[in-house]
PDB file of all heavy atoms in Angstrom:
ATOM      1  N   GLN A   1     166.886 100.909   0.289  1.00  0.00           N
ATOM      2  CA  GLN A   1     166.771 101.557   1.595  1.00  0.00           C
ATOM      3  C   GLN A   1     165.711 100.873   2.459  1.00  0.00           C
ATOM      4  O   GLN A   1     165.896 100.718   3.679  1.00  0.00           O
ATOM      5  CB  GLN A   1     166.434 103.044   1.425  1.00  0.00           C
ATOM      6  CG  GLN A   1     166.508 103.826   2.731  1.00  0.00           C
ATOM      7  CD  GLN A   1     167.871 103.734   3.381  1.00  0.00           C
ATOM      8  OE1 GLN A   1     168.887 104.019   2.752  1.00  0.00           O
ATOM      9  NE2 GLN A   1     167.907 103.314   4.645  1.00  0.00           N
ATOM     10  N   ALA A   2     164.608 100.455   1.841  1.00  0.00           N
ATOM     11  CA  ALA A   2     163.573  99.732   2.594  1.00  0.00           C
ATOM     12  C   ALA A   2     164.130  98.421   3.133  1.00  0.00           C
ATOM     13  O   ALA A   2     163.820  98.016   4.267  1.00  0.00           O
ATOM     14  CB  ALA A   2     162.365  99.480   1.690  1.00  0.00           C
ATOM     15  N   TYR A   3     164.948  97.753   2.335  1.00  0.00           N
ATOM     16  CA  TYR A   3     165.570  96.497   2.784  1.00  0.00           C
ATOM     17  C   TYR A   3     166.477  96.759   3.982  1.00  0.00           C
ATOM     18  O   TYR A   3     166.425  96.035   4.995  1.00  0.00           O
ATOM     19  CB  TYR A   3     166.368  95.875   1.640  1.00  0.00           C
ATOM     20  CG  TYR A   3     166.992  94.543   1.964  1.00  0.00           C
ATOM     21  CD1 TYR A   3     166.380  93.352   1.562  1.00  0.00           C
ATOM     22  CD2 TYR A   3     168.187  94.457   2.670  1.00  0.00           C
ATOM     23  CE1 TYR A   3     166.950  92.120   1.866  1.00  0.00           C
ATOM     24  CE2 TYR A   3     168.758  93.235   2.988  1.00  0.00           C
ATOM     25  CZ  TYR A   3     168.140  92.070   2.578  1.00  0.00           C
ATOM     26  OH  TYR A   3     168.705  90.858   2.894  1.00  0.00           O
ATOM     27  N   ILE A   4     167.307  97.793   3.881  1.00  0.00           N
ATOM     28  CA  ILE A   4     168.241  98.114   4.962  1.00  0.00           C
ATOM     29  C   ILE A   4     167.486  98.487   6.233  1.00  0.00           C
ATOM     30  O   ILE A   4     167.847  98.069   7.344  1.00  0.00           O
ATOM     31  CB  ILE A   4     169.181  99.241   4.513  1.00  0.00           C
ATOM     32  CG1 ILE A   4     170.124  98.721   3.422  1.00  0.00           C
ATOM     33  CG2 ILE A   4     169.971  99.805   5.679  1.00  0.00           C
ATOM     34  CD1 ILE A   4     170.946  99.797   2.752  1.00  0.00           C
ATOM     35  N   ASP A   5     166.417  99.262   6.084  1.00  0.00           N
ATOM     36  CA  ASP A   5     165.607  99.641   7.252  1.00  0.00           C
ATOM     37  C   ASP A   5     164.981  98.412   7.901  1.00  0.00           C
ATOM     38  O   ASP A   5     164.954  98.295   9.140  1.00  0.00           O
ATOM     39  CB  ASP A   5     164.520 100.628   6.842  1.00  0.00           C
ATOM     40  CG  ASP A   5     165.085 101.981   6.424  1.00  0.00           C
ATOM     41  OD1 ASP A   5     166.253 102.261   6.737  1.00  0.00           O
ATOM     42  OD2 ASP A   5     164.353 102.749   5.763  1.00  0.00           O
ATOM     43  N   ALA A   6     164.469  97.503   7.073  1.00  0.00           N
ATOM     44  CA  ALA A   6     163.849  96.288   7.611  1.00  0.00           C
ATOM     45  C   ALA A   6     164.884  95.419   8.322  1.00  0.00           C
ATOM     46  O   ALA A   6     164.597  94.825   9.379  1.00  0.00           O
ATOM     47  CB  ALA A   6     163.176  95.496   6.488  1.00  0.00           C
ATOM     48  N   TYR A   7     166.089  95.344   7.751  1.00  0.00           N
ATOM     49  CA  TYR A   7     167.147  94.563   8.403  1.00  0.00           C
ATOM     50  C   TYR A   7     167.475  95.163   9.766  1.00  0.00           C
ATOM     51  O   TYR A   7     167.639  94.441  10.764  1.00  0.00           O
ATOM     52  CB  TYR A   7     168.396  94.527   7.525  1.00  0.00           C
ATOM     53  CG  TYR A   7     169.485  93.626   8.071  1.00  0.00           C
ATOM     54  CD1 TYR A   7     169.561  92.293   7.689  1.00  0.00           C
ATOM     55  CD2 TYR A   7     170.424  94.105   8.979  1.00  0.00           C
ATOM     56  CE1 TYR A   7     170.551  91.461   8.203  1.00  0.00           C
ATOM     57  CE2 TYR A   7     171.408  93.285   9.502  1.00  0.00           C
ATOM     58  CZ  TYR A   7     171.475  91.964   9.107  1.00  0.00           C
ATOM     59  OH  TYR A   7     172.441  91.139   9.629  1.00  0.00           O
ATOM     60  N   GLY A   8     167.557  96.495   9.814  1.00  0.00           N
ATOM     61  CA  GLY A   8     167.850  97.146  11.080  1.00  0.00           C
ATOM     62  C   GLY A   8     166.771  96.903  12.116  1.00  0.00           C
ATOM     63  O   GLY A   8     167.063  96.686  13.299  1.00  0.00           O
ATOM     64  N   ALA A   9     165.505  96.942  11.683  1.00  0.00           N
ATOM     65  CA  ALA A   9     164.404  96.695  12.616  1.00  0.00           C
ATOM     66  C   ALA A   9     164.447  95.258  13.136  1.00  0.00           C
ATOM     67  O   ALA A   9     164.231  95.009  14.333  1.00  0.00           O
ATOM     68  CB  ALA A   9     163.074  96.972  11.924  1.00  0.00           C
ATOM     69  N   THR A  10     164.725  94.315  12.229  1.00  0.00           N
ATOM     70  CA  THR A  10     164.823  92.910  12.654  1.00  0.00           C
ATOM     71  C   THR A  10     165.957  92.738  13.653  1.00  0.00           C
ATOM     72  O   THR A  10     165.801  92.077  14.693  1.00  0.00           O
ATOM     73  CB  THR A  10     165.064  91.999  11.436  1.00  0.00           C
ATOM     74  OG1 THR A  10     163.969  92.114  10.540  1.00  0.00           O
ATOM     75  CG2 THR A  10     165.215  90.549  11.866  1.00  0.00           C
ATOM     76  N   PHE A  11     167.099  93.334  13.348  1.00  0.00           N
ATOM     77  CA  PHE A  11     168.225  93.218  14.274  1.00  0.00           C
ATOM     78  C   PHE A  11     167.867  93.811  15.630  1.00  0.00           C
ATOM     79  O   PHE A  11     168.186  93.230  16.684  1.00  0.00           O
ATOM     80  CB  PHE A  11     169.462  93.919  13.711  1.00  0.00           C
ATOM     81  CG  PHE A  11     170.613  93.920  14.674  1.00  0.00           C
ATOM     82  CD1 PHE A  11     171.428  92.804  14.801  1.00  0.00           C
ATOM     83  CD2 PHE A  11     170.860  95.028  15.482  1.00  0.00           C
ATOM     84  CE1 PHE A  11     172.472  92.781  15.717  1.00  0.00           C
ATOM     85  CE2 PHE A  11     171.905  95.021  16.397  1.00  0.00           C
ATOM     86  CZ  PHE A  11     172.711  93.893  16.510  1.00  0.00           C
ATOM     87  N   GLY A  12     167.199  94.952  15.631  1.00  0.00           N
ATOM     88  CA  GLY A  12     166.862  95.600  16.890  1.00  0.00           C
ATOM     89  C   GLY A  12     166.020  94.718  17.794  1.00  0.00           C
ATOM     90  O   GLY A  12     166.331  94.550  18.978  1.00  0.00           O
ATOM     91  N   ARG A  13     164.961  94.144  17.231  1.00  0.00           N
ATOM     92  CA  ARG A  13     164.091  93.331  18.095  1.00  0.00           C
ATOM     93  C   ARG A  13     164.739  91.990  18.452  1.00  0.00           C
ATOM     94  O   ARG A  13     164.551  91.481  19.557  1.00  0.00           O
ATOM     95  CB  ARG A  13     162.720  93.138  17.464  1.00  0.00           C
ATOM     96  CG  ARG A  13     162.686  92.436  16.132  1.00  0.00           C
ATOM     97  CD  ARG A  13     161.236  92.229  15.658  1.00  0.00           C
ATOM     98  NE  ARG A  13     161.192  91.721  14.301  1.00  0.00           N
ATOM     99  CZ  ARG A  13     161.106  92.486  13.213  1.00  0.00           C
ATOM    100  NH1 ARG A  13     161.049  93.801  13.340  1.00  0.00           N
ATOM    101  NH2 ARG A  13     161.078  91.945  12.007  1.00  0.00           N
ATOM    102  N   GLN A  14     165.510  91.432  17.534  1.00  0.00           N
ATOM    103  CA  GLN A  14     166.150  90.154  17.832  1.00  0.00           C
ATOM    104  C   GLN A  14     167.296  90.319  18.828  1.00  0.00           C
ATOM    105  O   GLN A  14     167.495  89.485  19.704  1.00  0.00           O
ATOM    106  CB  GLN A  14     166.658  89.501  16.547  1.00  0.00           C
ATOM    107  CG  GLN A  14     165.565  88.943  15.657  1.00  0.00           C
ATOM    108  CD  GLN A  14     164.821  87.800  16.318  1.00  0.00           C
ATOM    109  OE1 GLN A  14     165.363  87.058  17.135  1.00  0.00           O
ATOM    110  NE2 GLN A  14     163.552  87.652  15.968  1.00  0.00           N
ATOM    111  N   ASN A  15     168.042  91.397  18.685  1.00  0.00           N
ATOM    112  CA  ASN A  15     169.124  91.637  19.634  1.00  0.00           C
ATOM    113  C   ASN A  15     168.569  91.854  21.029  1.00  0.00           C
ATOM    114  O   ASN A  15     169.159  91.407  22.031  1.00  0.00           O
ATOM    115  CB  ASN A  15     169.939  92.851  19.180  1.00  0.00           C
ATOM    116  CG  ASN A  15     171.238  92.989  19.937  1.00  0.00           C
ATOM    117  OD1 ASN A  15     171.867  91.992  20.314  1.00  0.00           O
ATOM    118  ND2 ASN A  15     171.657  94.218  20.180  1.00  0.00           N
ATOM    119  N   LEU A  16     167.431  92.523  21.124  1.00  0.00           N
ATOM    120  CA  LEU A  16     166.765  92.702  22.416  1.00  0.00           C
ATOM    121  C   LEU A  16     166.354  91.353  22.993  1.00  0.00           C
ATOM    122  O   LEU A  16     166.505  91.100  24.197  1.00  0.00           O
ATOM    123  CB  LEU A  16     165.548  93.612  22.241  1.00  0.00           C
ATOM    124  CG  LEU A  16     164.780  93.986  23.513  1.00  0.00           C
ATOM    125  CD1 LEU A  16     165.670  94.795  24.448  1.00  0.00           C
ATOM    126  CD2 LEU A  16     163.526  94.786  23.157  1.00  0.00           C
ATOM    127  N   ARG A  17     165.884  90.469  22.128  1.00  0.00           N
ATOM    128  CA  ARG A  17     165.452  89.130  22.581  1.00  0.00           C
ATOM    129  C   ARG A  17     166.597  88.341  23.206  1.00  0.00           C
ATOM    130  O   ARG A  17     166.409  87.621  24.190  1.00  0.00           O
ATOM    131  CB  ARG A  17     164.864  88.347  21.401  1.00  0.00           C
ATOM    132  CG  ARG A  17     164.498  86.899  21.718  1.00  0.00           C
ATOM    133  CD  ARG A  17     163.951  86.170  20.504  1.00  0.00           C
ATOM    134  NE  ARG A  17     164.935  85.994  19.453  1.00  0.00           N
ATOM    135  CZ  ARG A  17     165.806  84.983  19.412  1.00  0.00           C
ATOM    136  NH1 ARG A  17     165.829  84.060  20.370  1.00  0.00           N
ATOM    137  NH2 ARG A  17     166.669  84.895  18.416  1.00  0.00           N
ATOM    138  N   VAL A  18     167.804  88.484  22.622  1.00  0.00           N
ATOM    139  CA  VAL A  18     168.936  87.673  23.096  1.00  0.00           C
ATOM    140  C   VAL A  18     169.802  88.406  24.117  1.00  0.00           C
ATOM    141  O   VAL A  18     170.873  87.902  24.485  1.00  0.00           O
ATOM    142  CB  VAL A  18     169.802  87.197  21.913  1.00  0.00           C
ATOM    143  CG1 VAL A  18     168.982  86.337  20.974  1.00  0.00           C
ATOM    144  CG2 VAL A  18     170.435  88.371  21.162  1.00  0.00           C
ATOM    145  N   GLY A  19     169.370  89.585  24.565  1.00  0.00           N
ATOM    146  CA  GLY A  19     170.102  90.243  25.640  1.00  0.00           C
ATOM    147  C   GLY A  19     170.843  91.506  25.251  1.00  0.00           C
ATOM    148  O   GLY A  19     171.494  92.137  26.088  1.00  0.00           O
ATOM    149  N   GLY A  20     170.787  91.906  23.966  1.00  0.00           N
ATOM    150  CA  GLY A  20     171.355  93.175  23.546  1.00  0.00           C
ATOM    151  C   GLY A  20     172.857  93.220  23.383  1.00  0.00           C
ATOM    152  O   GLY A  20     173.438  94.303  23.300  1.00  0.00           O
ATOM    153  N   HIS A  21     173.521  92.063  23.302  1.00  0.00           N
ATOM    154  CA  HIS A  21     174.987  92.055  23.250  1.00  0.00           C
ATOM    155  C   HIS A  21     175.553  91.814  21.852  1.00  0.00           C
ATOM    156  O   HIS A  21     176.778  91.800  21.672  1.00  0.00           O
ATOM    157  CB  HIS A  21     175.526  90.962  24.180  1.00  0.00           C
ATOM    158  CG  HIS A  21     175.058  89.585  23.807  1.00  0.00           C
ATOM    159  ND1 HIS A  21     173.803  89.117  24.166  1.00  0.00           N
ATOM    160  CD2 HIS A  21     175.662  88.592  23.113  1.00  0.00           C
ATOM    161  CE1 HIS A  21     173.664  87.882  23.700  1.00  0.00           C
ATOM    162  NE2 HIS A  21     174.778  87.550  23.067  1.00  0.00           N
ATOM    163  N   LYS A  22     174.689  91.634  20.866  1.00  0.00           N
ATOM    164  CA  LYS A  22     175.180  91.365  19.515  1.00  0.00           C
ATOM    165  C   LYS A  22     175.597  92.660  18.815  1.00  0.00           C
ATOM    166  O   LYS A  22     175.024  93.723  19.053  1.00  0.00           O
ATOM    167  CB  LYS A  22     174.099  90.667  18.675  1.00  0.00           C
ATOM    168  CG  LYS A  22     173.698  89.280  19.175  1.00  0.00           C
ATOM    169  CD  LYS A  22     174.822  88.274  19.020  1.00  0.00           C
ATOM    170  CE  LYS A  22     174.365  86.873  19.410  1.00  0.00           C
ATOM    171  NZ  LYS A  22     175.453  85.879  19.260  1.00  0.00           N
ATOM    172  N   ARG A  23     176.572  92.539  17.926  1.00  0.00           N
ATOM    173  CA  ARG A  23     177.012  93.664  17.115  1.00  0.00           C
ATOM    174  C   ARG A  23     176.485  93.471  15.704  1.00  0.00           C
ATOM    175  O   ARG A  23     176.724  92.428  15.092  1.00  0.00           O
ATOM    176  CB  ARG A  23     178.536  93.745  17.098  1.00  0.00           C
ATOM    177  CG  ARG A  23     179.077  94.935  16.323  1.00  0.00           C
ATOM    178  CD  ARG A  23     180.593  94.986  16.411  1.00  0.00           C
ATOM    179  NE  ARG A  23     181.135  96.100  15.643  1.00  0.00           N
ATOM    180  CZ  ARG A  23     182.430  96.367  15.549  1.00  0.00           C
ATOM    181  NH1 ARG A  23     183.303  95.591  16.174  1.00  0.00           N
ATOM    182  NH2 ARG A  23     182.838  97.395  14.825  1.00  0.00           N
ATOM    183  N   ARG A  24     175.784  94.464  15.195  1.00  0.00           N
ATOM    184  CA  ARG A  24     175.105  94.306  13.911  1.00  0.00           C
ATOM    185  C   ARG A  24     176.098  94.093  12.772  1.00  0.00           C
ATOM    186  O   ARG A  24     177.108  94.788  12.660  1.00  0.00           O
ATOM    187  CB  ARG A  24     174.250  95.536  13.603  1.00  0.00           C
ATOM    188  CG  ARG A  24     173.230  95.306  12.494  1.00  0.00           C
ATOM    189  CD  ARG A  24     172.619  96.595  11.999  1.00  0.00           C
ATOM    190  NE  ARG A  24     173.577  97.352  11.182  1.00  0.00           N
ATOM    191  CZ  ARG A  24     173.256  98.435  10.464  1.00  0.00           C
ATOM    192  NH1 ARG A  24     172.019  98.880  10.474  1.00  0.00           N
ATOM    193  NH2 ARG A  24     174.172  99.070   9.765  1.00  0.00           N
ATOM    194  N   LEU A  25     175.790  93.125  11.928  1.00  0.00           N
ATOM    195  CA  LEU A  25     176.545  92.920  10.697  1.00  0.00           C
ATOM    196  C   LEU A  25     176.070  93.936   9.654  1.00  0.00           C
ATOM    197  O   LEU A  25     175.092  94.657   9.872  1.00  0.00           O
ATOM    198  CB  LEU A  25     176.325  91.497  10.187  1.00  0.00           C
ATOM    199  CG  LEU A  25     176.717  90.372  11.149  1.00  0.00           C
ATOM    200  CD1 LEU A  25     176.271  89.016  10.607  1.00  0.00           C
ATOM    201  CD2 LEU A  25     178.216  90.368  11.403  1.00  0.00           C
ATOM    202  N   ASP A  26     176.742  94.002   8.524  1.00  0.00           N
ATOM    203  CA  ASP A  26     176.302  94.959   7.509  1.00  0.00           C
ATOM    204  C   ASP A  26     174.898  94.595   7.036  1.00  0.00           C
ATOM    205  O   ASP A  26     174.528  93.418   6.997  1.00  0.00           O
ATOM    206  CB  ASP A  26     177.287  95.012   6.339  1.00  0.00           C
ATOM    207  CG  ASP A  26     177.134  93.854   5.364  1.00  0.00           C
ATOM    208  OD1 ASP A  26     176.160  93.860   4.595  1.00  0.00           O
ATOM    209  OD2 ASP A  26     177.992  92.955   5.374  1.00  0.00           O
ATOM    210  N   PRO A  27     174.088  95.587   6.705  1.00  0.00           N
ATOM    211  CA  PRO A  27     172.678  95.336   6.381  1.00  0.00           C
ATOM    212  C   PRO A  27     172.408  95.088   4.905  1.00  0.00           C
ATOM    213  O   PRO A  27     171.246  95.053   4.492  1.00  0.00           O
ATOM    214  CB  PRO A  27     172.011  96.641   6.823  1.00  0.00           C
ATOM    215  CG  PRO A  27     173.039  97.680   6.496  1.00  0.00           C
ATOM    216  CD  PRO A  27     174.382  97.035   6.787  1.00  0.00           C
ATOM    217  N   LEU A  28     173.433  94.928   4.112  1.00  0.00           N
ATOM    218  CA  LEU A  28     173.228  94.796   2.669  1.00  0.00           C
ATOM    219  C   LEU A  28     172.668  93.427   2.303  1.00  0.00           C
ATOM    220  O   LEU A  28     173.018  92.413   2.918  1.00  0.00           O
ATOM    221  CB  LEU A  28     174.551  94.988   1.930  1.00  0.00           C
ATOM    222  CG  LEU A  28     175.227  96.347   2.056  1.00  0.00           C
ATOM    223  CD1 LEU A  28     176.523  96.339   1.277  1.00  0.00           C
ATOM    224  CD2 LEU A  28     174.306  97.448   1.575  1.00  0.00           C
ATOM    225  N   PRO A  29     171.838  93.364   1.276  1.00  0.00           N
ATOM    226  CA  PRO A  29     171.376  92.057   0.791  1.00  0.00           C
ATOM    227  C   PRO A  29     172.539  91.319   0.139  1.00  0.00           C
ATOM    228  O   PRO A  29     173.539  91.921  -0.256  1.00  0.00           O
ATOM    229  CB  PRO A  29     170.309  92.418  -0.242  1.00  0.00           C
ATOM    230  CG  PRO A  29     170.734  93.772  -0.741  1.00  0.00           C
ATOM    231  CD  PRO A  29     171.325  94.474   0.448  1.00  0.00           C
ATOM    232  N   ARG A  30     172.419  90.023   0.030  1.00  0.00           N
ATOM    233  CA  ARG A  30     173.398  89.222  -0.704  1.00  0.00           C
ATOM    234  C   ARG A  30     172.766  88.571  -1.932  1.00  0.00           C
ATOM    235  O   ARG A  30     173.471  88.031  -2.778  1.00  0.00           O
ATOM    236  CB  ARG A  30     173.986  88.139   0.195  1.00  0.00           C
ATOM    237  CG  ARG A  30     174.818  88.655   1.344  1.00  0.00           C
ATOM    238  CD  ARG A  30     176.028  89.437   0.866  1.00  0.00           C
ATOM    239  NE  ARG A  30     176.931  89.740   1.975  1.00  0.00           N
ATOM    240  CZ  ARG A  30     176.833  90.794   2.761  1.00  0.00           C
ATOM    241  NH1 ARG A  30     175.847  91.669   2.551  1.00  0.00           N
ATOM    242  NH2 ARG A  30     177.695  91.004   3.738  1.00  0.00           N
ATOM    243  N   LEU A  31     171.459  88.609  -2.008  1.00  0.00           N
ATOM    244  CA  LEU A  31     170.729  88.039  -3.132  1.00  0.00           C
ATOM    245  C   LEU A  31     169.668  89.039  -3.561  1.00  0.00           C
ATOM    246  O   LEU A  31     168.992  89.637  -2.722  1.00  0.00           O
ATOM    247  CB  LEU A  31     170.087  86.707  -2.721  1.00  0.00           C
ATOM    248  CG  LEU A  31     169.468  85.843  -3.818  1.00  0.00           C
ATOM    249  CD1 LEU A  31     170.568  85.315  -4.750  1.00  0.00           C
ATOM    250  CD2 LEU A  31     168.709  84.673  -3.206  1.00  0.00           C
ATOM    251  N   VAL A  32     169.539  89.244  -4.873  1.00  0.00           N
ATOM    252  CA  VAL A  32     168.571  90.197  -5.415  1.00  0.00           C
ATOM    253  C   VAL A  32     167.707  89.473  -6.441  1.00  0.00           C
ATOM    254  O   VAL A  32     168.215  88.710  -7.270  1.00  0.00           O
ATOM    255  CB  VAL A  32     169.283  91.393  -6.087  1.00  0.00           C
ATOM    256  CG1 VAL A  32     168.263  92.395  -6.617  1.00  0.00           C
ATOM    257  CG2 VAL A  32     170.249  92.067  -5.115  1.00  0.00           C
ATOM    258  N   ALA A  33     166.408  89.699  -6.378  1.00  0.00           N
ATOM    259  CA  ALA A  33     165.467  89.124  -7.343  1.00  0.00           C
ATOM    260  C   ALA A  33     164.857  90.258  -8.158  1.00  0.00           C
ATOM    261  O   ALA A  33     164.372  91.247  -7.591  1.00  0.00           O
ATOM    262  CB  ALA A  33     164.374  88.335  -6.629  1.00  0.00           C
ATOM    263  N   VAL A  34     164.896  90.106  -9.484  1.00  0.00           N
ATOM    264  CA  VAL A  34     164.375  91.140 -10.374  1.00  0.00           C
ATOM    265  C   VAL A  34     163.410  90.500 -11.373  1.00  0.00           C
ATOM    266  O   VAL A  34     163.831  89.659 -12.178  1.00  0.00           O
ATOM    267  CB  VAL A  34     165.500  91.851 -11.154  1.00  0.00           C
ATOM    268  CG1 VAL A  34     164.926  93.027 -11.947  1.00  0.00           C
ATOM    269  CG2 VAL A  34     166.612  92.307 -10.224  1.00  0.00           C
ATOM    270  N   PRO A  35     162.129  90.854 -11.348  1.00  0.00           N
ATOM    271  CA  PRO A  35     161.195  90.313 -12.346  1.00  0.00           C
ATOM    272  C   PRO A  35     161.693  90.592 -13.762  1.00  0.00           C
ATOM    273  O   PRO A  35     162.147  91.689 -14.075  1.00  0.00           O
ATOM    274  CB  PRO A  35     159.896  91.071 -12.048  1.00  0.00           C
ATOM    275  CG  PRO A  35     159.993  91.431 -10.598  1.00  0.00           C
ATOM    276  CD  PRO A  35     161.449  91.723 -10.370  1.00  0.00           C
ATOM    277  N   GLY A  36     161.618  89.582 -14.594  1.00  0.00           N
ATOM    278  CA  GLY A  36     162.070  89.718 -15.964  1.00  0.00           C
ATOM    279  C   GLY A  36     163.551  89.491 -16.147  1.00  0.00           C
ATOM    280  O   GLY A  36     164.039  89.432 -17.285  1.00  0.00           O
ATOM    281  N   LEU A  37     164.288  89.363 -15.057  1.00  0.00           N
ATOM    282  CA  LEU A  37     165.744  89.200 -15.151  1.00  0.00           C
ATOM    283  C   LEU A  37     166.229  87.929 -14.471  1.00  0.00           C
ATOM    284  O   LEU A  37     166.996  87.163 -15.041  1.00  0.00           O
ATOM    285  CB  LEU A  37     166.444  90.419 -14.539  1.00  0.00           C
ATOM    286  CG  LEU A  37     167.928  90.556 -14.859  1.00  0.00           C
ATOM    287  CD1 LEU A  37     168.125  90.862 -16.348  1.00  0.00           C
ATOM    288  CD2 LEU A  37     168.555  91.674 -14.018  1.00  0.00           C
ATOM    289  N   GLY A  38     165.788  87.679 -13.235  1.00  0.00           N
ATOM    290  CA  GLY A  38     166.221  86.482 -12.519  1.00  0.00           C
ATOM    291  C   GLY A  38     166.784  86.820 -11.162  1.00  0.00           C
ATOM    292  O   GLY A  38     166.327  87.752 -10.487  1.00  0.00           O
ATOM    293  N   LEU A  39     167.812  86.067 -10.740  1.00  0.00           N
ATOM    294  CA  LEU A  39     168.444  86.238  -9.438  1.00  0.00           C
ATOM    295  C   LEU A  39     169.870  86.744  -9.615  1.00  0.00           C
ATOM    296  O   LEU A  39     170.547  86.398 -10.578  1.00  0.00           O
ATOM    297  CB  LEU A  39     168.461  84.915  -8.668  1.00  0.00           C
ATOM    298  CG  LEU A  39     167.104  84.315  -8.310  1.00  0.00           C
ATOM    299  CD1 LEU A  39     167.290  82.933  -7.672  1.00  0.00           C
ATOM    300  CD2 LEU A  39     166.341  85.236  -7.347  1.00  0.00           C
ATOM    301  N   ILE A  40     170.325  87.534  -8.647  1.00  0.00           N
ATOM    302  CA  ILE A  40     171.675  88.098  -8.689  1.00  0.00           C
ATOM    303  C   ILE A  40     172.335  87.857  -7.344  1.00  0.00           C
ATOM    304  O   ILE A  40     171.807  88.258  -6.302  1.00  0.00           O
ATOM    305  CB  ILE A  40     171.635  89.610  -8.978  1.00  0.00           C
ATOM    306  CG1 ILE A  40     170.880  89.885 -10.279  1.00  0.00           C
ATOM    307  CG2 ILE A  40     173.049  90.177  -9.038  1.00  0.00           C
ATOM    308  CD1 ILE A  40     170.437  91.329 -10.420  1.00  0.00           C
TER     309      ILE A  40
END
């Protein structure tokens, strides 16, 4: 949830920078890092 919230905040400020016309993509991560396990 923290990742999704951060993605939304980034999109909000960046979309404002470029004029507010972008449509947000899904906020899910595509890569996950887990200590003791590796990358997913």
